[in-house]
Amino acid sequence: MHESYRRAFETRRQAMDEVIDWMTFYNHRRIHSTLGYVSPIQFEKSWHAAQLLKAA
């Protein structure tokens, strides 16, 4: 579970920053076994590149 779970933030900005940090990690650095052990962003980039090759 993520460390910000049930955490009280002093400001709305701190909470927003924490969410943005988590989303950045989740989408750009976290690897996922069902995606071939790559991050969701890398998977999408590869998928889009493959689609462009199919269309050519």
PDB file of N, CA and C in Angstrom:
ATOM      1  N   MET A   1       0.843  -1.177   0.000  1.00  0.00           N
ATOM      2  CA  MET A   1       0.000   0.000   0.000  1.00  0.00           C
ATOM      3  C   MET A   1       0.894   1.248   0.000  1.00  0.00           C
ATOM      4  N   HIS A   2       0.471   2.252  -0.686  1.00  0.00           N
ATOM      5  CA  HIS A   2       1.264   3.474  -0.807  1.00  0.00           C
ATOM      6  C   HIS A   2       1.298   4.233   0.513  1.00  0.00           C
ATOM      7  N   GLU A   3       2.438   4.891   0.776  1.00  0.00           N
ATOM      8  CA  GLU A   3       2.627   5.568   2.066  1.00  0.00           C
ATOM      9  C   GLU A   3       1.686   6.733   2.327  1.00  0.00           C
ATOM     10  N   SER A   4       1.044   7.276   1.312  1.00  0.00           N
ATOM     11  CA  SER A   4       0.133   8.405   1.540  1.00  0.00           C
ATOM     12  C   SER A   4      -1.277   7.951   1.934  1.00  0.00           C
ATOM     13  N   TYR A   5      -1.492   6.649   2.006  1.00  0.00           N
ATOM     14  CA  TYR A   5      -2.799   6.125   2.394  1.00  0.00           C
ATOM     15  C   TYR A   5      -3.146   6.607   3.800  1.00  0.00           C
ATOM     16  N   ARG A   6      -4.301   7.220   3.934  1.00  0.00           N
ATOM     17  CA  ARG A   6      -4.810   7.752   5.209  1.00  0.00           C
ATOM     18  C   ARG A   6      -3.897   8.810   5.825  1.00  0.00           C
ATOM     19  N   ARG A   7      -3.153   9.475   5.014  1.00  0.00           N
ATOM     20  CA  ARG A   7      -2.262  10.531   5.493  1.00  0.00           C
ATOM     21  C   ARG A   7      -3.019  11.856   5.468  1.00  0.00           C
ATOM     22  N   ALA A   8      -2.822  12.654   6.494  1.00  0.00           N
ATOM     23  CA  ALA A   8      -3.420  13.986   6.530  1.00  0.00           C
ATOM     24  C   ALA A   8      -2.421  14.985   5.950  1.00  0.00           C
ATOM     25  N   PHE A   9      -2.847  15.740   4.976  1.00  0.00           N
ATOM     26  CA  PHE A   9      -1.989  16.741   4.354  1.00  0.00           C
ATOM     27  C   PHE A   9      -2.330  18.110   4.927  1.00  0.00           C
ATOM     28  N   GLU A  10      -1.313  18.940   5.041  1.00  0.00           N
ATOM     29  CA  GLU A  10      -1.531  20.287   5.572  1.00  0.00           C
ATOM     30  C   GLU A  10      -2.264  21.178   4.582  1.00  0.00           C
ATOM     31  N   THR A  11      -1.988  20.949   3.296  1.00  0.00           N
ATOM     32  CA  THR A  11      -2.624  21.778   2.272  1.00  0.00           C
ATOM     33  C   THR A  11      -3.126  20.902   1.129  1.00  0.00           C
ATOM     34  N   ARG A  12      -4.049  21.464   0.384  1.00  0.00           N
ATOM     35  CA  ARG A  12      -4.549  20.777  -0.810  1.00  0.00           C
ATOM     36  C   ARG A  12      -3.415  20.586  -1.814  1.00  0.00           C
ATOM     37  N   ARG A  13      -2.527  21.558  -1.903  1.00  0.00           N
ATOM     38  CA  ARG A  13      -1.393  21.485  -2.829  1.00  0.00           C
ATOM     39  C   ARG A  13      -0.490  20.297  -2.504  1.00  0.00           C
ATOM     40  N   GLN A  14      -0.237  20.051  -1.209  1.00  0.00           N
ATOM     41  CA  GLN A  14       0.582  18.908  -0.820  1.00  0.00           C
ATOM     42  C   GLN A  14      -0.087  17.600  -1.247  1.00  0.00           C
ATOM     43  N   ALA A  15      -1.377  17.520  -1.077  1.00  0.00           N
ATOM     44  CA  ALA A  15      -2.106  16.316  -1.478  1.00  0.00           C
ATOM     45  C   ALA A  15      -2.041  16.132  -2.994  1.00  0.00           C
ATOM     46  N   MET A  16      -2.231  17.211  -3.733  1.00  0.00           N
ATOM     47  CA  MET A  16      -2.159  17.136  -5.190  1.00  0.00           C
ATOM     48  C   MET A  16      -0.775  16.719  -5.652  1.00  0.00           C
ATOM     49  N   ASP A  17       0.258  17.274  -5.033  1.00  0.00           N
ATOM     50  CA  ASP A  17       1.634  16.907  -5.388  1.00  0.00           C
ATOM     51  C   ASP A  17       1.894  15.427  -5.132  1.00  0.00           C
ATOM     52  N   GLU A  18       1.367  14.903  -4.040  1.00  0.00           N
ATOM     53  CA  GLU A  18       1.538  13.491  -3.714  1.00  0.00           C
ATOM     54  C   GLU A  18       0.858  12.602  -4.755  1.00  0.00           C
ATOM     55  N   VAL A  19      -0.334  12.998  -5.165  1.00  0.00           N
ATOM     56  CA  VAL A  19      -1.050  12.238  -6.191  1.00  0.00           C
ATOM     57  C   VAL A  19      -0.284  12.271  -7.509  1.00  0.00           C
ATOM     58  N   ILE A  20       0.207  13.421  -7.892  1.00  0.00           N
ATOM     59  CA  ILE A  20       0.975  13.549  -9.133  1.00  0.00           C
ATOM     60  C   ILE A  20       2.238  12.701  -9.071  1.00  0.00           C
ATOM     61  N   ASP A  21       2.933  12.723  -7.947  1.00  0.00           N
ATOM     62  CA  ASP A  21       4.136  11.890  -7.788  1.00  0.00           C
ATOM     63  C   ASP A  21       3.798  10.408  -7.938  1.00  0.00           C
ATOM     64  N   TRP A  22       2.693   9.983  -7.310  1.00  0.00           N
ATOM     65  CA  TRP A  22       2.296   8.581  -7.391  1.00  0.00           C
ATOM     66  C   TRP A  22       1.929   8.198  -8.823  1.00  0.00           C
ATOM     67  N   MET A  23       1.184   9.060  -9.512  1.00  0.00           N
ATOM     68  CA  MET A  23       0.797   8.766 -10.893  1.00  0.00           C
ATOM     69  C   MET A  23       2.010   8.704 -11.812  1.00  0.00           C
ATOM     70  N   THR A  24       2.971   9.575 -11.576  1.00  0.00           N
ATOM     71  CA  THR A  24       4.196   9.554 -12.373  1.00  0.00           C
ATOM     72  C   THR A  24       4.934   8.239 -12.177  1.00  0.00           C
ATOM     73  N   PHE A  25       5.073   7.813 -10.933  1.00  0.00           N
ATOM     74  CA  PHE A  25       5.708   6.522 -10.673  1.00  0.00           C
ATOM     75  C   PHE A  25       4.911   5.400 -11.330  1.00  0.00           C
ATOM     76  N   TYR A  26       3.614   5.389 -11.114  1.00  0.00           N
ATOM     77  CA  TYR A  26       2.755   4.301 -11.583  1.00  0.00           C
ATOM     78  C   TYR A  26       2.814   4.156 -13.103  1.00  0.00           C
ATOM     79  N   ASN A  27       2.818   5.264 -13.806  1.00  0.00           N
ATOM     80  CA  ASN A  27       2.771   5.209 -15.268  1.00  0.00           C
ATOM     81  C   ASN A  27       4.126   5.192 -15.958  1.00  0.00           C
ATOM     82  N   HIS A  28       5.163   5.708 -15.326  1.00  0.00           N
ATOM     83  CA  HIS A  28       6.449   5.843 -16.007  1.00  0.00           C
ATOM     84  C   HIS A  28       7.531   4.892 -15.513  1.00  0.00           C
ATOM     85  N   ARG A  29       7.477   4.480 -14.255  1.00  0.00           N
ATOM     86  CA  ARG A  29       8.579   3.659 -13.729  1.00  0.00           C
ATOM     87  C   ARG A  29       8.161   2.273 -13.264  1.00  0.00           C
ATOM     88  N   ARG A  30       6.916   2.103 -12.887  1.00  0.00           N
ATOM     89  CA  ARG A  30       6.441   0.820 -12.362  1.00  0.00           C
ATOM     90  C   ARG A  30       6.362  -0.199 -13.497  1.00  0.00           C
ATOM     91  N   ILE A  31       7.003  -1.348 -13.310  1.00  0.00           N
ATOM     92  CA  ILE A  31       6.897  -2.389 -14.319  1.00  0.00           C
ATOM     93  C   ILE A  31       5.738  -3.312 -13.954  1.00  0.00           C
ATOM     94  N   HIS A  32       5.161  -3.926 -14.972  1.00  0.00           N
ATOM     95  CA  HIS A  32       3.994  -4.765 -14.749  1.00  0.00           C
ATOM     96  C   HIS A  32       4.169  -6.080 -15.510  1.00  0.00           C
ATOM     97  N   SER A  33       3.957  -7.175 -14.820  1.00  0.00           N
ATOM     98  CA  SER A  33       4.183  -8.487 -15.431  1.00  0.00           C
ATOM     99  C   SER A  33       3.278  -8.727 -16.643  1.00  0.00           C
ATOM    100  N   THR A  34       2.022  -8.288 -16.584  1.00  0.00           N
ATOM    101  CA  THR A  34       1.125  -8.532 -17.717  1.00  0.00           C
ATOM    102  C   THR A  34       1.447  -7.671 -18.930  1.00  0.00           C
ATOM    103  N   LEU A  35       2.312  -6.688 -18.759  1.00  0.00           N
ATOM    104  CA  LEU A  35       2.743  -5.845 -19.886  1.00  0.00           C
ATOM    105  C   LEU A  35       4.134  -6.239 -20.370  1.00  0.00           C
ATOM    106  N   GLY A  36       4.588  -7.410 -19.978  1.00  0.00           N
ATOM    107  CA  GLY A  36       5.912  -7.859 -20.404  1.00  0.00           C
ATOM    108  C   GLY A  36       7.035  -7.216 -19.607  1.00  0.00           C
ATOM    109  N   TYR A  37       6.756  -6.865 -18.376  1.00  0.00           N
ATOM    110  CA  TYR A  37       7.738  -6.268 -17.463  1.00  0.00           C
ATOM    111  C   TYR A  37       8.292  -4.943 -17.979  1.00  0.00           C
ATOM    112  N   VAL A  38       7.401  -4.136 -18.526  1.00  0.00           N
ATOM    113  CA  VAL A  38       7.728  -2.755 -18.892  1.00  0.00           C
ATOM    114  C   VAL A  38       6.701  -1.851 -18.225  1.00  0.00           C
ATOM    115  N   SER A  39       6.979  -0.568 -18.187  1.00  0.00           N
ATOM    116  CA  SER A  39       6.039   0.389 -17.596  1.00  0.00           C
ATOM    117  C   SER A  39       4.860   0.594 -18.545  1.00  0.00           C
ATOM    118  N   PRO A  40       3.728   1.057 -18.020  1.00  0.00           N
ATOM    119  CA  PRO A  40       2.585   1.324 -18.894  1.00  0.00           C
ATOM    120  C   PRO A  40       2.911   2.312 -20.021  1.00  0.00           C
ATOM    121  N   ILE A  41       3.698   3.319 -19.738  1.00  0.00           N
ATOM    122  CA  ILE A  41       4.067   4.290 -20.784  1.00  0.00           C
ATOM    123  C   ILE A  41       4.902   3.626 -21.872  1.00  0.00           C
ATOM    124  N   GLN A  42       5.886   2.817 -21.475  1.00  0.00           N
ATOM    125  CA  GLN A  42       6.725   2.135 -22.465  1.00  0.00           C
ATOM    126  C   GLN A  42       5.892   1.161 -23.294  1.00  0.00           C
ATOM    127  N   PHE A  43       4.963   0.471 -22.653  1.00  0.00           N
ATOM    128  CA  PHE A  43       4.081  -0.443 -23.377  1.00  0.00           C
ATOM    129  C   PHE A  43       3.279   0.306 -24.434  1.00  0.00           C
ATOM    130  N   GLU A  44       2.700   1.442 -24.057  1.00  0.00           N
ATOM    131  CA  GLU A  44       1.916   2.217 -25.022  1.00  0.00           C
ATOM    132  C   GLU A  44       2.770   2.750 -26.163  1.00  0.00           C
ATOM    133  N   LYS A  45       3.976   3.213 -25.862  1.00  0.00           N
ATOM    134  CA  LYS A  45       4.868   3.691 -26.924  1.00  0.00           C
ATOM    135  C   LYS A  45       5.173   2.578 -27.904  1.00  0.00           C
ATOM    136  N   SER A  46       5.466   1.383 -27.383  1.00  0.00           N
ATOM    137  CA  SER A  46       5.752   0.238 -28.257  1.00  0.00           C
ATOM    138  C   SER A  46       4.531  -0.145 -29.076  1.00  0.00           C
ATOM    139  N   TRP A  47       3.355  -0.122 -28.449  1.00  0.00           N
ATOM    140  CA  TRP A  47       2.126  -0.473 -29.142  1.00  0.00           C
ATOM    141  C   TRP A  47       1.856   0.508 -30.288  1.00  0.00           C
ATOM    142  N   HIS A  48       2.002   1.797 -30.011  1.00  0.00           N
ATOM    143  CA  HIS A  48       1.760   2.807 -31.052  1.00  0.00           C
ATOM    144  C   HIS A  48       2.762   2.670 -32.197  1.00  0.00           C
ATOM    145  N   ALA A  49       4.019   2.391 -31.874  1.00  0.00           N
ATOM    146  CA  ALA A  49       5.032   2.203 -32.910  1.00  0.00           C
ATOM    147  C   ALA A  49       4.667   0.995 -33.785  1.00  0.00           C
ATOM    148  N   ALA A  50       4.182  -0.077 -33.182  1.00  0.00           N
ATOM    149  CA  ALA A  50       3.781  -1.268 -33.943  1.00  0.00           C
ATOM    150  C   ALA A  50       2.593  -0.956 -34.837  1.00  0.00           C
ATOM    151  N   GLN A  51       1.660  -0.128 -34.370  1.00  0.00           N
ATOM    152  CA  GLN A  51       0.513   0.238 -35.182  1.00  0.00           C
ATOM    153  C   GLN A  51       0.934   1.053 -36.402  1.00  0.00           C
ATOM    154  N   LEU A  52       1.908   1.924 -36.210  1.00  0.00           N
ATOM    155  CA  LEU A  52       2.404   2.720 -37.340  1.00  0.00           C
ATOM    156  C   LEU A  52       3.062   1.823 -38.379  1.00  0.00           C
ATOM    157  N   LEU A  53       3.778   0.801 -37.929  1.00  0.00           N
ATOM    158  CA  LEU A  53       4.410  -0.133 -38.874  1.00  0.00           C
ATOM    159  C   LEU A  53       3.361  -0.937 -39.634  1.00  0.00           C
ATOM    160  N   LYS A  54       2.294  -1.326 -38.962  1.00  0.00           N
ATOM    161  CA  LYS A  54       1.228  -2.067 -39.635  1.00  0.00           C
ATOM    162  C   LYS A  54       0.540  -1.214 -40.692  1.00  0.00           C
ATOM    163  N   ALA A  55       0.396   0.072 -40.417  1.00  0.00           N
ATOM    164  CA  ALA A  55      -0.303   0.969 -41.327  1.00  0.00           C
ATOM    165  C   ALA A  55       0.543   1.325 -42.549  1.00  0.00           C
ATOM    166  N   ALA A  56       1.842   1.161 -42.427  1.00  0.00           N
ATOM    167  CA  ALA A  56       2.740   1.566 -43.523  1.00  0.00           C
ATOM    168  C   ALA A  56       2.777   0.565 -44.651  1.00  0.00           C
TER     169      ALA A  56
END
